[in-house]
Amino acid sequence: MSKFDIGKLLQRVAQTGTPLVAGAGVLAGGGWLASNAMYTVEAGHMSLKYNRLSGIGSNTYREGVHFLLPWLERAIVFDVRARPHTMTSLTGSRDLQMVNISLRALCKPDTSKLSDIYRNLGLDFDEKVLPSIINEVLKSVVAQYNASQLITQRELVSRMIRQRLIQRASDFGILLDDVAITHLNFSPEYEKAVESKQVAQQQAERARYLVLKAQEEKKRTIIHAEGEKESARMIGDAIKANPGFVELRRIAVAKDISAMLAKSANRMVLSTESLLMNLAGDDALQAGSGKK
């Protein structure tokens, strides 16, 4: 008989290994149960439980650690935070102008209807619903306004789109926190026509301004001429009534000229006749020449 009896060795291993295998199996099973019997719901999320026997439950579970029955139940986690969605639609206005309009909406699921949302739409409910209803609402609202009204009454248009979109989304259990028009433009032909119209209006306003300016200049010239005429008439009447009026005017002009020359830094000799400063008069000059 050999020193190492293989049969006895295998028998001893079988006797001692069975408990070890059983213990390892129990530990592995316990670990699997522990890892699959608990799940965590992150912040901003909520969960449902699906039961293989009864289907989707109506109870919702907020963030934290929760328990379930392994294999029999599984967790369905929803992201209930508001998420932005941007949609662009090409539609026609009431005056048959093509309008390219972009809309941004913040949406989230109604937490009281999570079971219905998952049963009817799934976790990607927003991708399935929002594109169709946004396109529908945009076309129905834009068709009620002219292209110019879409610009001048943009706030009213945005409010109407928001009201109708909230009403349509609520039918699917979707809540909208905010709806806003982010972009609005028209066809290149229409934009060119609007620009040409604006330029024409500006030119018309400028022409109207020039006409009014010319009219005012004409009135000012007429008033100035009438004033000069009246002034000449009054001076003529004054000269007729009092011949000394001319002398008084000559004295006033001579005073103004002498004041200007006094302030000047230059020194010059000029004729008093040319400067209207001969205040002695023609009679005095004739008398002086007769004495000579």
C-alpha atoms as a PDB file:
ATOM      1  CA  MET A   1       0.000   0.000   0.000  1.00  0.00           C
ATOM      2  CA  SER A   2       1.406   3.372  -0.997  1.00  0.00           C
ATOM      3  CA  LYS A   3       2.199   6.063   1.428  1.00  0.00           C
ATOM      4  CA  PHE A   4      -0.441   8.421  -0.095  1.00  0.00           C
ATOM      5  CA  ASP A   5      -3.739   6.580  -0.552  1.00  0.00           C
ATOM      6  CA  ILE A   6      -5.638   8.623  -3.118  1.00  0.00           C
ATOM      7  CA  GLY A   7      -9.023   7.119  -2.237  1.00  0.00           C
ATOM      8  CA  LYS A   8      -8.737   7.996   1.437  1.00  0.00           C
ATOM      9  CA  LEU A   9      -7.498  11.450   0.558  1.00  0.00           C
ATOM     10  CA  LEU A  10     -10.519  12.125  -1.664  1.00  0.00           C
ATOM     11  CA  GLN A  11     -12.849  10.744   0.995  1.00  0.00           C
ATOM     12  CA  ARG A  12     -11.386  13.059   3.630  1.00  0.00           C
ATOM     13  CA  VAL A  13     -11.657  16.075   1.282  1.00  0.00           C
ATOM     14  CA  ALA A  14     -15.285  15.240   0.542  1.00  0.00           C
ATOM     15  CA  GLN A  15     -16.079  14.984   4.236  1.00  0.00           C
ATOM     16  CA  THR A  16     -14.496  18.323   5.119  1.00  0.00           C
ATOM     17  CA  GLY A  17     -15.277  20.209   1.858  1.00  0.00           C
ATOM     18  CA  THR A  18     -19.031  19.830   1.802  1.00  0.00           C
ATOM     19  CA  PRO A  19     -19.576  22.161   4.776  1.00  0.00           C
ATOM     20  CA  LEU A  20     -17.179  24.659   3.240  1.00  0.00           C
ATOM     21  CA  VAL A  21     -19.004  24.682  -0.080  1.00  0.00           C
ATOM     22  CA  ALA A  22     -22.320  25.003   1.671  1.00  0.00           C
ATOM     23  CA  GLY A  23     -21.039  27.895   3.757  1.00  0.00           C
ATOM     24  CA  ALA A  24     -19.661  29.637   0.690  1.00  0.00           C
ATOM     25  CA  GLY A  25     -22.964  29.151  -1.084  1.00  0.00           C
ATOM     26  CA  VAL A  26     -24.884  30.609   1.843  1.00  0.00           C
ATOM     27  CA  LEU A  27     -22.575  33.627   1.979  1.00  0.00           C
ATOM     28  CA  ALA A  28     -22.859  34.199  -1.773  1.00  0.00           C
ATOM     29  CA  GLY A  29     -26.619  33.899  -1.629  1.00  0.00           C
ATOM     30  CA  GLY A  30     -26.818  36.260   1.320  1.00  0.00           C
ATOM     31  CA  GLY A  31     -24.645  38.811  -0.476  1.00  0.00           C
ATOM     32  CA  TRP A  32     -26.779  38.593  -3.615  1.00  0.00           C
ATOM     33  CA  LEU A  33     -29.949  39.040  -1.573  1.00  0.00           C
ATOM     34  CA  ALA A  34     -28.463  41.994   0.314  1.00  0.00           C
ATOM     35  CA  SER A  35     -27.310  43.731  -2.874  1.00  0.00           C
ATOM     36  CA  ASN A  36     -30.579  43.137  -4.725  1.00  0.00           C
ATOM     37  CA  ALA A  37     -32.938  43.773  -1.829  1.00  0.00           C
ATOM     38  CA  MET A  38     -31.918  47.460  -1.508  1.00  0.00           C
ATOM     39  CA  TYR A  39     -31.733  50.338  -3.954  1.00  0.00           C
ATOM     40  CA  THR A  40     -30.992  54.049  -3.672  1.00  0.00           C
ATOM     41  CA  VAL A  41     -33.020  56.923  -5.108  1.00  0.00           C
ATOM     42  CA  GLU A  42     -30.858  59.955  -5.814  1.00  0.00           C
ATOM     43  CA  ALA A  43     -31.865  63.570  -5.138  1.00  0.00           C
ATOM     44  CA  GLY A  44     -34.250  64.934  -7.759  1.00  0.00           C
ATOM     45  CA  HIS A  45     -35.585  61.459  -8.551  1.00  0.00           C
ATOM     46  CA  MET A  46     -38.563  59.332  -7.529  1.00  0.00           C
ATOM     47  CA  SER A  47     -39.211  55.622  -7.992  1.00  0.00           C
ATOM     48  CA  LEU A  48     -41.944  53.086  -8.544  1.00  0.00           C
ATOM     49  CA  LYS A  49     -41.926  49.342  -7.915  1.00  0.00           C
ATOM     50  CA  TYR A  50     -42.810  46.780 -10.544  1.00  0.00           C
ATOM     51  CA  ASN A  51     -44.064  43.447  -9.171  1.00  0.00           C
ATOM     52  CA  ARG A  52     -44.040  40.362 -11.372  1.00  0.00           C
ATOM     53  CA  LEU A  53     -47.361  39.330  -9.913  1.00  0.00           C
ATOM     54  CA  SER A  54     -49.332  42.584  -9.534  1.00  0.00           C
ATOM     55  CA  GLY A  55     -47.606  44.874 -12.057  1.00  0.00           C
ATOM     56  CA  ILE A  56     -46.708  48.541 -11.486  1.00  0.00           C
ATOM     57  CA  GLY A  57     -47.573  49.815  -8.020  1.00  0.00           C
ATOM     58  CA  SER A  58     -49.217  53.158  -7.354  1.00  0.00           C
ATOM     59  CA  ASN A  59     -46.908  54.136  -4.475  1.00  0.00           C
ATOM     60  CA  THR A  60     -43.989  56.454  -5.174  1.00  0.00           C
ATOM     61  CA  TYR A  61     -40.723  56.603  -3.239  1.00  0.00           C
ATOM     62  CA  ARG A  62     -38.588  59.673  -2.742  1.00  0.00           C
ATOM     63  CA  GLU A  63     -34.799  59.937  -2.444  1.00  0.00           C
ATOM     64  CA  GLY A  64     -33.109  57.609  -0.003  1.00  0.00           C
ATOM     65  CA  VAL A  65     -32.590  53.854   0.515  1.00  0.00           C
ATOM     66  CA  HIS A  66     -35.541  51.541  -0.083  1.00  0.00           C
ATOM     67  CA  PHE A  67     -36.111  47.759   0.016  1.00  0.00           C
ATOM     68  CA  LEU A  68     -37.639  45.356  -2.448  1.00  0.00           C
ATOM     69  CA  LEU A  69     -38.008  41.616  -2.962  1.00  0.00           C
ATOM     70  CA  PRO A  70     -35.253  40.314  -5.235  1.00  0.00           C
ATOM     71  CA  TRP A  71     -36.391  38.804  -8.558  1.00  0.00           C
ATOM     72  CA  LEU A  72     -40.029  39.437  -7.631  1.00  0.00           C
ATOM     73  CA  GLU A  73     -39.754  43.247  -7.663  1.00  0.00           C
ATOM     74  CA  ARG A  74     -37.635  45.803  -9.491  1.00  0.00           C
ATOM     75  CA  ALA A  75     -37.306  49.591  -9.126  1.00  0.00           C
ATOM     76  CA  ILE A  76     -38.296  52.113 -11.804  1.00  0.00           C
ATOM     77  CA  VAL A  77     -36.546  55.448 -11.203  1.00  0.00           C
ATOM     78  CA  PHE A  78     -37.856  58.723 -12.696  1.00  0.00           C
ATOM     79  CA  ASP A  79     -35.921  61.984 -13.048  1.00  0.00           C
ATOM     80  CA  VAL A  80     -38.455  64.544 -11.764  1.00  0.00           C
ATOM     81  CA  ARG A  81     -36.269  67.627 -12.238  1.00  0.00           C
ATOM     82  CA  ALA A  82     -37.189  70.241 -14.845  1.00  0.00           C
ATOM     83  CA  ARG A  83     -35.391  69.667 -18.131  1.00  0.00           C
ATOM     84  CA  PRO A  84     -35.112  72.103 -21.069  1.00  0.00           C
ATOM     85  CA  HIS A  85     -36.436  71.212 -24.488  1.00  0.00           C
ATOM     86  CA  THR A  86     -35.998  73.400 -27.576  1.00  0.00           C
ATOM     87  CA  MET A  87     -38.203  72.946 -30.601  1.00  0.00           C
ATOM     88  CA  THR A  88     -38.066  74.757 -33.960  1.00  0.00           C
ATOM     89  CA  SER A  89     -41.048  74.836 -36.293  1.00  0.00           C
ATOM     90  CA  LEU A  90     -41.544  76.298 -39.754  1.00  0.00           C
ATOM     91  CA  THR A  91     -45.121  77.472 -40.084  1.00  0.00           C
ATOM     92  CA  GLY A  92     -47.224  80.050 -41.910  1.00  0.00           C
ATOM     93  CA  SER A  93     -48.818  83.237 -40.597  1.00  0.00           C
ATOM     94  CA  ARG A  94     -52.275  84.529 -41.410  1.00  0.00           C
ATOM     95  CA  ASP A  95     -50.940  86.604 -44.315  1.00  0.00           C
ATOM     96  CA  LEU A  96     -49.192  83.477 -45.717  1.00  0.00           C
ATOM     97  CA  GLN A  97     -45.679  84.456 -44.665  1.00  0.00           C
ATOM     98  CA  MET A  98     -43.368  81.598 -43.655  1.00  0.00           C
ATOM     99  CA  VAL A  99     -42.176  81.975 -40.065  1.00  0.00           C
ATOM    100  CA  ASN A 100     -39.322  80.061 -38.463  1.00  0.00           C
ATOM    101  CA  ILE A 101     -40.037  80.046 -34.721  1.00  0.00           C
ATOM    102  CA  SER A 102     -38.047  78.398 -31.912  1.00  0.00           C
ATOM    103  CA  LEU A 103     -39.571  77.578 -28.529  1.00  0.00           C
ATOM    104  CA  ARG A 104     -37.894  76.576 -25.270  1.00  0.00           C
ATOM    105  CA  ALA A 105     -39.854  74.743 -22.564  1.00  0.00           C
ATOM    106  CA  LEU A 106     -38.925  73.427 -19.118  1.00  0.00           C
ATOM    107  CA  CYS A 107     -40.816  70.212 -18.440  1.00  0.00           C
ATOM    108  CA  LYS A 108     -41.044  67.575 -15.728  1.00  0.00           C
ATOM    109  CA  PRO A 109     -43.385  64.663 -14.970  1.00  0.00           C
ATOM    110  CA  ASP A 110     -46.392  65.001 -12.677  1.00  0.00           C
ATOM    111  CA  THR A 111     -45.318  62.977  -9.613  1.00  0.00           C
ATOM    112  CA  SER A 112     -48.907  61.950  -8.909  1.00  0.00           C
ATOM    113  CA  LYS A 113     -49.150  60.267 -12.334  1.00  0.00           C
ATOM    114  CA  LEU A 114     -45.830  58.460 -12.576  1.00  0.00           C
ATOM    115  CA  SER A 115     -47.421  55.017 -12.859  1.00  0.00           C
ATOM    116  CA  ASP A 116     -49.664  56.109 -15.745  1.00  0.00           C
ATOM    117  CA  ILE A 117     -46.774  57.877 -17.476  1.00  0.00           C
ATOM    118  CA  TYR A 118     -44.574  54.782 -17.309  1.00  0.00           C
ATOM    119  CA  ARG A 119     -47.400  52.462 -18.323  1.00  0.00           C
ATOM    120  CA  ASN A 120     -48.375  54.577 -21.369  1.00  0.00           C
ATOM    121  CA  LEU A 121     -45.193  56.379 -22.415  1.00  0.00           C
ATOM    122  CA  GLY A 122     -42.142  55.045 -20.599  1.00  0.00           C
ATOM    123  CA  LEU A 123     -39.181  56.875 -19.115  1.00  0.00           C
ATOM    124  CA  ASP A 124     -38.561  58.917 -22.299  1.00  0.00           C
ATOM    125  CA  PHE A 125     -42.047  60.435 -22.148  1.00  0.00           C
ATOM    126  CA  ASP A 126     -40.848  63.945 -23.004  1.00  0.00           C
ATOM    127  CA  GLU A 127     -39.173  62.878 -26.240  1.00  0.00           C
ATOM    128  CA  LYS A 128     -42.330  61.095 -27.334  1.00  0.00           C
ATOM    129  CA  VAL A 129     -44.853  63.820 -26.487  1.00  0.00           C
ATOM    130  CA  LEU A 130     -43.298  67.297 -26.598  1.00  0.00           C
ATOM    131  CA  PRO A 131     -42.185  67.476 -30.270  1.00  0.00           C
ATOM    132  CA  SER A 132     -45.666  66.699 -31.562  1.00  0.00           C
ATOM    133  CA  ILE A 133     -47.674  68.929 -29.228  1.00  0.00           C
ATOM    134  CA  ILE A 134     -45.242  71.873 -29.499  1.00  0.00           C
ATOM    135  CA  ASN A 135     -45.391  71.708 -33.286  1.00  0.00           C
ATOM    136  CA  GLU A 136     -49.192  71.490 -33.175  1.00  0.00           C
ATOM    137  CA  VAL A 137     -49.612  74.452 -30.805  1.00  0.00           C
ATOM    138  CA  LEU A 138     -47.122  76.652 -32.681  1.00  0.00           C
ATOM    139  CA  LYS A 139     -48.877  76.134 -36.005  1.00  0.00           C
ATOM    140  CA  SER A 140     -52.338  76.772 -34.546  1.00  0.00           C
ATOM    141  CA  VAL A 141     -51.334  79.988 -32.754  1.00  0.00           C
ATOM    142  CA  VAL A 142     -49.072  81.517 -35.410  1.00  0.00           C
ATOM    143  CA  ALA A 143     -51.787  81.041 -38.052  1.00  0.00           C
ATOM    144  CA  GLN A 144     -53.990  83.537 -36.150  1.00  0.00           C
ATOM    145  CA  TYR A 145     -51.583  86.498 -36.536  1.00  0.00           C
ATOM    146  CA  ASN A 146     -50.025  88.453 -39.371  1.00  0.00           C
ATOM    147  CA  ALA A 147     -46.264  88.546 -39.700  1.00  0.00           C
ATOM    148  CA  SER A 148     -46.084  92.105 -38.376  1.00  0.00           C
ATOM    149  CA  GLN A 149     -48.287  91.217 -35.390  1.00  0.00           C
ATOM    150  CA  LEU A 150     -45.938  88.384 -34.432  1.00  0.00           C
ATOM    151  CA  ILE A 151     -43.273  91.048 -33.861  1.00  0.00           C
ATOM    152  CA  THR A 152     -45.329  93.836 -32.312  1.00  0.00           C
ATOM    153  CA  GLN A 153     -47.460  91.487 -30.154  1.00  0.00           C
ATOM    154  CA  ARG A 154     -44.779  88.956 -29.282  1.00  0.00           C
ATOM    155  CA  GLU A 155     -45.655  88.905 -25.581  1.00  0.00           C
ATOM    156  CA  LEU A 156     -49.315  88.142 -26.339  1.00  0.00           C
ATOM    157  CA  VAL A 157     -48.345  85.378 -28.769  1.00  0.00           C
ATOM    158  CA  SER A 158     -45.961  83.842 -26.225  1.00  0.00           C
ATOM    159  CA  ARG A 159     -48.634  83.906 -23.516  1.00  0.00           C
ATOM    160  CA  MET A 160     -51.185  82.193 -25.763  1.00  0.00           C
ATOM    161  CA  ILE A 161     -48.674  79.507 -26.772  1.00  0.00           C
ATOM    162  CA  ARG A 162     -47.839  78.923 -23.111  1.00  0.00           C
ATOM    163  CA  GLN A 163     -51.492  78.513 -22.091  1.00  0.00           C
ATOM    164  CA  ARG A 164     -52.313  76.066 -24.861  1.00  0.00           C
ATOM    165  CA  LEU A 165     -49.121  74.083 -24.424  1.00  0.00           C
ATOM    166  CA  ILE A 166     -49.640  73.681 -20.676  1.00  0.00           C
ATOM    167  CA  GLN A 167     -53.181  72.468 -21.315  1.00  0.00           C
ATOM    168  CA  ARG A 168     -52.050  69.926 -23.950  1.00  0.00           C
ATOM    169  CA  ALA A 169     -49.114  68.649 -21.866  1.00  0.00           C
ATOM    170  CA  SER A 170     -51.317  68.090 -18.812  1.00  0.00           C
ATOM    171  CA  ASP A 171     -53.261  65.481 -20.780  1.00  0.00           C
ATOM    172  CA  PHE A 172     -50.105  63.343 -20.765  1.00  0.00           C
ATOM    173  CA  GLY A 173     -49.112  64.010 -17.133  1.00  0.00           C
ATOM    174  CA  ILE A 174     -46.380  66.506 -18.040  1.00  0.00           C
ATOM    175  CA  LEU A 175     -45.886  69.809 -16.191  1.00  0.00           C
ATOM    176  CA  LEU A 176     -44.345  72.861 -17.882  1.00  0.00           C
ATOM    177  CA  ASP A 177     -42.536  75.359 -15.657  1.00  0.00           C
ATOM    178  CA  ASP A 178     -41.664  77.861 -18.369  1.00  0.00           C
ATOM    179  CA  VAL A 179     -42.392  78.413 -22.056  1.00  0.00           C
ATOM    180  CA  ALA A 180     -40.645  81.143 -24.055  1.00  0.00           C
ATOM    181  CA  ILE A 181     -40.078  82.115 -27.682  1.00  0.00           C
ATOM    182  CA  THR A 182     -36.309  82.192 -28.183  1.00  0.00           C
ATOM    183  CA  HIS A 183     -36.067  82.911 -31.901  1.00  0.00           C
ATOM    184  CA  LEU A 184     -38.375  84.340 -34.543  1.00  0.00           C
ATOM    185  CA  ASN A 185     -37.445  85.102 -38.125  1.00  0.00           C
ATOM    186  CA  PHE A 186     -39.051  85.251 -41.526  1.00  0.00           C
ATOM    187  CA  SER A 187     -38.118  84.349 -45.077  1.00  0.00           C
ATOM    188  CA  PRO A 188     -35.291  86.391 -46.696  1.00  0.00           C
ATOM    189  CA  GLU A 189     -37.742  87.905 -49.186  1.00  0.00           C
ATOM    190  CA  TYR A 190     -40.038  89.172 -46.445  1.00  0.00           C
ATOM    191  CA  GLU A 191     -37.144  90.557 -44.384  1.00  0.00           C
ATOM    192  CA  LYS A 192     -35.852  92.376 -47.463  1.00  0.00           C
ATOM    193  CA  ALA A 193     -39.308  93.812 -48.127  1.00  0.00           C
ATOM    194  CA  VAL A 194     -39.595  94.996 -44.517  1.00  0.00           C
ATOM    195  CA  GLU A 195     -36.165  96.603 -44.701  1.00  0.00           C
ATOM    196  CA  SER A 196     -37.072  98.378 -47.945  1.00  0.00           C
ATOM    197  CA  LYS A 197     -40.306  99.606 -46.379  1.00  0.00           C
ATOM    198  CA  GLN A 198     -38.420 100.964 -43.372  1.00  0.00           C
ATOM    199  CA  VAL A 199     -35.938 102.750 -45.627  1.00  0.00           C
ATOM    200  CA  ALA A 200     -38.793 104.248 -47.667  1.00  0.00           C
ATOM    201  CA  GLN A 201     -40.529 105.428 -44.502  1.00  0.00           C
ATOM    202  CA  GLN A 202     -37.324 107.034 -43.241  1.00  0.00           C
ATOM    203  CA  GLN A 203     -36.802 108.780 -46.575  1.00  0.00           C
ATOM    204  CA  ALA A 204     -40.399 109.993 -46.539  1.00  0.00           C
ATOM    205  CA  GLU A 205     -39.952 111.339 -43.023  1.00  0.00           C
ATOM    206  CA  ARG A 206     -36.770 113.120 -44.056  1.00  0.00           C
ATOM    207  CA  ALA A 207     -38.497 114.627 -47.116  1.00  0.00           C
ATOM    208  CA  ARG A 208     -41.369 115.776 -44.910  1.00  0.00           C
ATOM    209  CA  TYR A 209     -38.867 117.341 -42.528  1.00  0.00           C
ATOM    210  CA  LEU A 210     -37.128 119.178 -45.376  1.00  0.00           C
ATOM    211  CA  VAL A 211     -40.480 120.506 -46.642  1.00  0.00           C
ATOM    212  CA  LEU A 212     -41.402 121.762 -43.192  1.00  0.00           C
ATOM    213  CA  LYS A 213     -37.947 123.309 -42.816  1.00  0.00           C
ATOM    214  CA  ALA A 214     -38.292 125.106 -46.180  1.00  0.00           C
ATOM    215  CA  GLN A 215     -41.714 126.385 -45.187  1.00  0.00           C
ATOM    216  CA  GLU A 216     -40.358 127.707 -41.908  1.00  0.00           C
ATOM    217  CA  GLU A 217     -37.427 129.344 -43.713  1.00  0.00           C
ATOM    218  CA  LYS A 218     -39.877 130.987 -46.120  1.00  0.00           C
ATOM    219  CA  LYS A 219     -42.002 132.261 -43.240  1.00  0.00           C
ATOM    220  CA  ARG A 220     -38.898 133.572 -41.488  1.00  0.00           C
ATOM    221  CA  THR A 221     -37.717 135.377 -44.641  1.00  0.00           C
ATOM    222  CA  ILE A 222     -41.159 136.925 -45.160  1.00  0.00           C
ATOM    223  CA  ILE A 223     -41.350 138.048 -41.564  1.00  0.00           C
ATOM    224  CA  HIS A 224     -37.814 139.491 -41.754  1.00  0.00           C
ATOM    225  CA  ALA A 225     -38.630 141.349 -44.974  1.00  0.00           C
ATOM    226  CA  GLU A 226     -41.843 142.709 -43.510  1.00  0.00           C
ATOM    227  CA  GLY A 227     -39.894 143.823 -40.457  1.00  0.00           C
ATOM    228  CA  GLU A 228     -37.306 145.591 -42.609  1.00  0.00           C
ATOM    229  CA  LYS A 229     -40.070 147.227 -44.621  1.00  0.00           C
ATOM    230  CA  GLU A 230     -41.838 148.411 -41.496  1.00  0.00           C
ATOM    231  CA  SER A 231     -38.557 149.614 -40.036  1.00  0.00           C
ATOM    232  CA  ALA A 232     -37.772 151.613 -43.206  1.00  0.00           C
ATOM    233  CA  ARG A 233     -41.242 153.110 -43.175  1.00  0.00           C
ATOM    234  CA  MET A 234     -40.926 154.130 -39.562  1.00  0.00           C
ATOM    235  CA  ILE A 235     -37.503 155.650 -40.168  1.00  0.00           C
ATOM    236  CA  GLY A 236     -38.881 157.580 -43.164  1.00  0.00           C
ATOM    237  CA  ASP A 237     -41.763 158.881 -41.092  1.00  0.00           C
ATOM    238  CA  ALA A 238     -39.374 159.865 -38.316  1.00  0.00           C
ATOM    239  CA  ILE A 239     -37.132 161.768 -40.755  1.00  0.00           C
ATOM    240  CA  LYS A 240     -40.118 163.590 -42.199  1.00  0.00           C
ATOM    241  CA  ALA A 241     -41.396 164.493 -38.780  1.00  0.00           C
ATOM    242  CA  ASN A 242     -37.992 165.455 -37.322  1.00  0.00           C
ATOM    243  CA  PRO A 243     -34.970 166.059 -39.596  1.00  0.00           C
ATOM    244  CA  GLY A 244     -32.692 165.799 -36.540  1.00  0.00           C
ATOM    245  CA  PHE A 245     -33.365 162.046 -36.399  1.00  0.00           C
ATOM    246  CA  VAL A 246     -30.646 161.455 -39.019  1.00  0.00           C
ATOM    247  CA  GLU A 247     -28.128 163.326 -36.920  1.00  0.00           C
ATOM    248  CA  LEU A 248     -29.013 161.263 -33.880  1.00  0.00           C
ATOM    249  CA  ARG A 249     -28.457 158.084 -35.848  1.00  0.00           C
ATOM    250  CA  ARG A 250     -25.096 159.382 -37.086  1.00  0.00           C
ATOM    251  CA  ILE A 251     -24.064 160.170 -33.546  1.00  0.00           C
ATOM    252  CA  ALA A 252     -25.050 156.664 -32.380  1.00  0.00           C
ATOM    253  CA  VAL A 253     -23.102 155.031 -35.234  1.00  0.00           C
ATOM    254  CA  ALA A 254     -20.097 157.292 -34.563  1.00  0.00           C
ATOM    255  CA  LYS A 255     -20.093 156.223 -30.898  1.00  0.00           C
ATOM    256  CA  ASP A 256     -20.112 152.558 -31.861  1.00  0.00           C
ATOM    257  CA  ILE A 257     -17.240 153.048 -34.321  1.00  0.00           C
ATOM    258  CA  SER A 258     -15.145 155.034 -31.852  1.00  0.00           C
ATOM    259  CA  ALA A 259     -15.670 152.349 -29.187  1.00  0.00           C
ATOM    260  CA  MET A 260     -14.459 149.641 -31.592  1.00  0.00           C
ATOM    261  CA  LEU A 261     -11.374 151.686 -32.579  1.00  0.00           C
ATOM    262  CA  ALA A 262     -10.551 152.395 -28.950  1.00  0.00           C
ATOM    263  CA  LYS A 263     -10.406 148.668 -28.191  1.00  0.00           C
ATOM    264  CA  SER A 264      -8.177 147.918 -31.180  1.00  0.00           C
ATOM    265  CA  ALA A 265      -4.415 147.557 -30.616  1.00  0.00           C
ATOM    266  CA  ASN A 266      -3.616 149.064 -34.029  1.00  0.00           C
ATOM    267  CA  ARG A 267      -3.072 152.794 -34.537  1.00  0.00           C
ATOM    268  CA  MET A 268      -4.178 154.329 -37.817  1.00  0.00           C
ATOM    269  CA  VAL A 269      -5.249 157.657 -39.331  1.00  0.00           C
ATOM    270  CA  LEU A 270      -8.500 157.559 -41.259  1.00  0.00           C
ATOM    271  CA  SER A 271     -10.869 160.109 -42.675  1.00  0.00           C
ATOM    272  CA  THR A 272     -13.784 161.028 -40.436  1.00  0.00           C
ATOM    273  CA  GLU A 273     -16.014 161.056 -43.485  1.00  0.00           C
ATOM    274  CA  SER A 274     -15.333 157.405 -44.239  1.00  0.00           C
ATOM    275  CA  LEU A 275     -15.908 156.465 -40.588  1.00  0.00           C
ATOM    276  CA  LEU A 276     -19.117 158.553 -40.308  1.00  0.00           C
ATOM    277  CA  MET A 277     -17.510 160.477 -37.457  1.00  0.00           C
ATOM    278  CA  ASN A 278     -17.817 163.983 -38.964  1.00  0.00           C
ATOM    279  CA  LEU A 279     -20.250 165.147 -36.340  1.00  0.00           C
ATOM    280  CA  ALA A 280     -19.728 168.862 -37.181  1.00  0.00           C
ATOM    281  CA  GLY A 281     -21.835 168.483 -40.311  1.00  0.00           C
ATOM    282  CA  ASP A 282     -21.538 169.885 -43.830  1.00  0.00           C
ATOM    283  CA  ASP A 283     -22.480 173.422 -42.758  1.00  0.00           C
ATOM    284  CA  ALA A 284     -19.512 173.603 -40.396  1.00  0.00           C
ATOM    285  CA  LEU A 285     -17.148 172.432 -43.125  1.00  0.00           C
ATOM    286  CA  GLN A 286     -18.506 174.996 -45.592  1.00  0.00           C
ATOM    287  CA  ALA A 287     -18.166 177.759 -43.010  1.00  0.00           C
ATOM    288  CA  GLY A 288     -14.568 176.813 -42.332  1.00  0.00           C
ATOM    289  CA  SER A 289     -13.697 176.848 -46.009  1.00  0.00           C
ATOM    290  CA  GLY A 290     -15.330 180.319 -46.464  1.00  0.00           C
ATOM    291  CA  LYS A 291     -13.130 181.831 -43.740  1.00  0.00           C
ATOM    292  CA  LYS A 292     -10.085 180.584 -45.470  1.00  0.00           C
END
